[in-house]
Amino acid sequence: MKMKLEHHIYSMKILKIFLISVFVLFAIQWIVMDIFANVELDELIRQGYLEEDYTKQDVVKLCNPQTNIEREFSKGADAMFSCVTKGNW
């Protein structure tokens, strides 16, 4: 009986370590993607794709152009990280 309890405790420790590791990796990944998105947004402003006082809607139009004008304007804009982290995809 004691052996079974020790095995159960060991399994719970492994599960706990795994879940904490997944959470930490997810948090690190999200922070890194957000940093890349901010750099990318600064570059899009510099290139003229976005205004200094852009809104989330401006980023949505850049990521998901709906009209021909929006499609033409967004050509050449590299906004992958911005689209993913700002909730537009």
C-alpha atoms as a PDB file:
ATOM      1  CA  MET A   1       0.000   0.000   0.000  1.00  0.00           C
ATOM      2  CA  LYS A   2       2.832   2.372   0.869  1.00  0.00           C
ATOM      3  CA  MET A   3       4.460   1.726  -2.510  1.00  0.00           C
ATOM      4  CA  LYS A   4       1.241   2.615  -4.341  1.00  0.00           C
ATOM      5  CA  LEU A   5       0.913   5.888  -2.398  1.00  0.00           C
ATOM      6  CA  GLU A   6       4.523   6.836  -3.176  1.00  0.00           C
ATOM      7  CA  HIS A   7       3.942   6.162  -6.864  1.00  0.00           C
ATOM      8  CA  HIS A   8       0.814   8.333  -6.782  1.00  0.00           C
ATOM      9  CA  ILE A   9       2.686  11.211  -5.116  1.00  0.00           C
ATOM     10  CA  TYR A  10       5.518  10.895  -7.653  1.00  0.00           C
ATOM     11  CA  SER A  11       3.011  10.965 -10.534  1.00  0.00           C
ATOM     12  CA  MET A  12       1.346  14.075  -9.108  1.00  0.00           C
ATOM     13  CA  LYS A  13       4.726  15.823  -8.828  1.00  0.00           C
ATOM     14  CA  ILE A  14       5.503  15.009 -12.463  1.00  0.00           C
ATOM     15  CA  LEU A  15       2.086  16.304 -13.540  1.00  0.00           C
ATOM     16  CA  LYS A  16       2.548  19.480 -11.490  1.00  0.00           C
ATOM     17  CA  ILE A  17       5.992  20.131 -13.015  1.00  0.00           C
ATOM     18  CA  PHE A  18       4.621  19.506 -16.498  1.00  0.00           C
ATOM     19  CA  LEU A  19       1.683  21.893 -16.058  1.00  0.00           C
ATOM     20  CA  ILE A  20       3.861  24.628 -14.572  1.00  0.00           C
ATOM     21  CA  SER A  21       6.352  24.196 -17.429  1.00  0.00           C
ATOM     22  CA  VAL A  22       3.601  24.483 -20.037  1.00  0.00           C
ATOM     23  CA  PHE A  23       2.266  27.628 -18.361  1.00  0.00           C
ATOM     24  CA  VAL A  24       5.737  29.223 -18.156  1.00  0.00           C
ATOM     25  CA  LEU A  25       6.524  28.390 -21.791  1.00  0.00           C
ATOM     26  CA  PHE A  26       3.175  29.800 -22.903  1.00  0.00           C
ATOM     27  CA  ALA A  27       3.794  33.009 -20.939  1.00  0.00           C
ATOM     28  CA  ILE A  28       7.299  33.409 -22.383  1.00  0.00           C
ATOM     29  CA  GLN A  29       6.014  32.763 -25.898  1.00  0.00           C
ATOM     30  CA  TRP A  30       3.266  35.364 -25.470  1.00  0.00           C
ATOM     31  CA  ILE A  31       5.711  37.978 -24.132  1.00  0.00           C
ATOM     32  CA  VAL A  32       8.149  37.400 -26.994  1.00  0.00           C
ATOM     33  CA  MET A  33       5.379  37.581 -29.607  1.00  0.00           C
ATOM     34  CA  ASP A  34       4.098  40.808 -28.053  1.00  0.00           C
ATOM     35  CA  ILE A  35       7.582  42.335 -28.197  1.00  0.00           C
ATOM     36  CA  PHE A  36       7.912  41.359 -31.869  1.00  0.00           C
ATOM     37  CA  ALA A  37       4.436  42.782 -32.555  1.00  0.00           C
ATOM     38  CA  ASN A  38       5.329  46.125 -30.999  1.00  0.00           C
ATOM     39  CA  VAL A  39       8.517  46.342 -33.061  1.00  0.00           C
ATOM     40  CA  GLU A  40       6.528  45.365 -36.130  1.00  0.00           C
ATOM     41  CA  LEU A  41       3.883  48.029 -35.451  1.00  0.00           C
ATOM     42  CA  ASP A  42       6.612  50.663 -35.091  1.00  0.00           C
ATOM     43  CA  GLU A  43       7.994  49.572 -38.460  1.00  0.00           C
ATOM     44  CA  LEU A  44       4.523  49.707 -40.062  1.00  0.00           C
ATOM     45  CA  ILE A  45       4.137  53.263 -38.754  1.00  0.00           C
ATOM     46  CA  ARG A  46       7.566  54.177 -40.106  1.00  0.00           C
ATOM     47  CA  GLN A  47       6.676  52.721 -43.521  1.00  0.00           C
ATOM     48  CA  GLY A  48       3.383  54.619 -43.628  1.00  0.00           C
ATOM     49  CA  TYR A  49       0.976  51.680 -43.333  1.00  0.00           C
ATOM     50  CA  LEU A  50      -0.346  52.947 -39.979  1.00  0.00           C
ATOM     51  CA  GLU A  51      -0.745  56.390 -38.419  1.00  0.00           C
ATOM     52  CA  GLU A  52       0.910  57.240 -35.088  1.00  0.00           C
ATOM     53  CA  ASP A  53      -2.501  57.199 -33.374  1.00  0.00           C
ATOM     54  CA  TYR A  54      -3.721  53.970 -34.997  1.00  0.00           C
ATOM     55  CA  THR A  55      -6.678  52.076 -33.577  1.00  0.00           C
ATOM     56  CA  LYS A  56      -7.269  48.357 -33.318  1.00  0.00           C
ATOM     57  CA  GLN A  57      -9.644  48.718 -36.259  1.00  0.00           C
ATOM     58  CA  ASP A  58      -6.768  50.050 -38.388  1.00  0.00           C
ATOM     59  CA  VAL A  59      -4.726  46.957 -37.564  1.00  0.00           C
ATOM     60  CA  VAL A  60      -7.741  44.733 -38.337  1.00  0.00           C
ATOM     61  CA  LYS A  61      -8.089  46.359 -41.776  1.00  0.00           C
ATOM     62  CA  LEU A  62      -4.381  45.840 -42.411  1.00  0.00           C
ATOM     63  CA  CYS A  63      -4.551  42.171 -41.372  1.00  0.00           C
ATOM     64  CA  ASN A  64      -7.902  41.333 -42.952  1.00  0.00           C
ATOM     65  CA  PRO A  65      -8.536  43.709 -45.860  1.00  0.00           C
ATOM     66  CA  GLN A  66     -12.152  43.532 -47.031  1.00  0.00           C
ATOM     67  CA  THR A  67     -12.323  46.043 -49.865  1.00  0.00           C
ATOM     68  CA  ASN A  68     -10.159  46.483 -52.940  1.00  0.00           C
ATOM     69  CA  ILE A  69      -8.786  49.722 -51.512  1.00  0.00           C
ATOM     70  CA  GLU A  70      -7.801  47.977 -48.257  1.00  0.00           C
ATOM     71  CA  ARG A  71      -6.252  45.071 -50.193  1.00  0.00           C
ATOM     72  CA  GLU A  72      -4.203  47.443 -52.334  1.00  0.00           C
ATOM     73  CA  PHE A  73      -3.087  49.464 -49.319  1.00  0.00           C
ATOM     74  CA  SER A  74      -2.047  46.399 -47.317  1.00  0.00           C
ATOM     75  CA  LYS A  75       0.137  44.945 -50.094  1.00  0.00           C
ATOM     76  CA  GLY A  76       3.695  44.688 -48.873  1.00  0.00           C
ATOM     77  CA  ALA A  77       2.795  45.156 -45.214  1.00  0.00           C
ATOM     78  CA  ASP A  78       4.414  42.480 -43.058  1.00  0.00           C
ATOM     79  CA  ALA A  79       2.142  42.337 -40.025  1.00  0.00           C
ATOM     80  CA  MET A  80       2.076  38.694 -38.914  1.00  0.00           C
ATOM     81  CA  PHE A  81       2.970  39.170 -35.231  1.00  0.00           C
ATOM     82  CA  SER A  82       0.714  42.205 -34.940  1.00  0.00           C
ATOM     83  CA  CYS A  83      -2.201  40.299 -36.401  1.00  0.00           C
ATOM     84  CA  VAL A  84      -1.718  37.303 -34.112  1.00  0.00           C
ATOM     85  CA  THR A  85      -1.114  39.116 -30.828  1.00  0.00           C
ATOM     86  CA  LYS A  86      -3.572  41.948 -31.282  1.00  0.00           C
ATOM     87  CA  GLY A  87      -6.432  39.476 -31.672  1.00  0.00           C
ATOM     88  CA  ASN A  88      -7.117  40.016 -35.331  1.00  0.00           C
ATOM     89  CA  TRP A  89      -6.604  36.441 -36.500  1.00  0.00           C
END
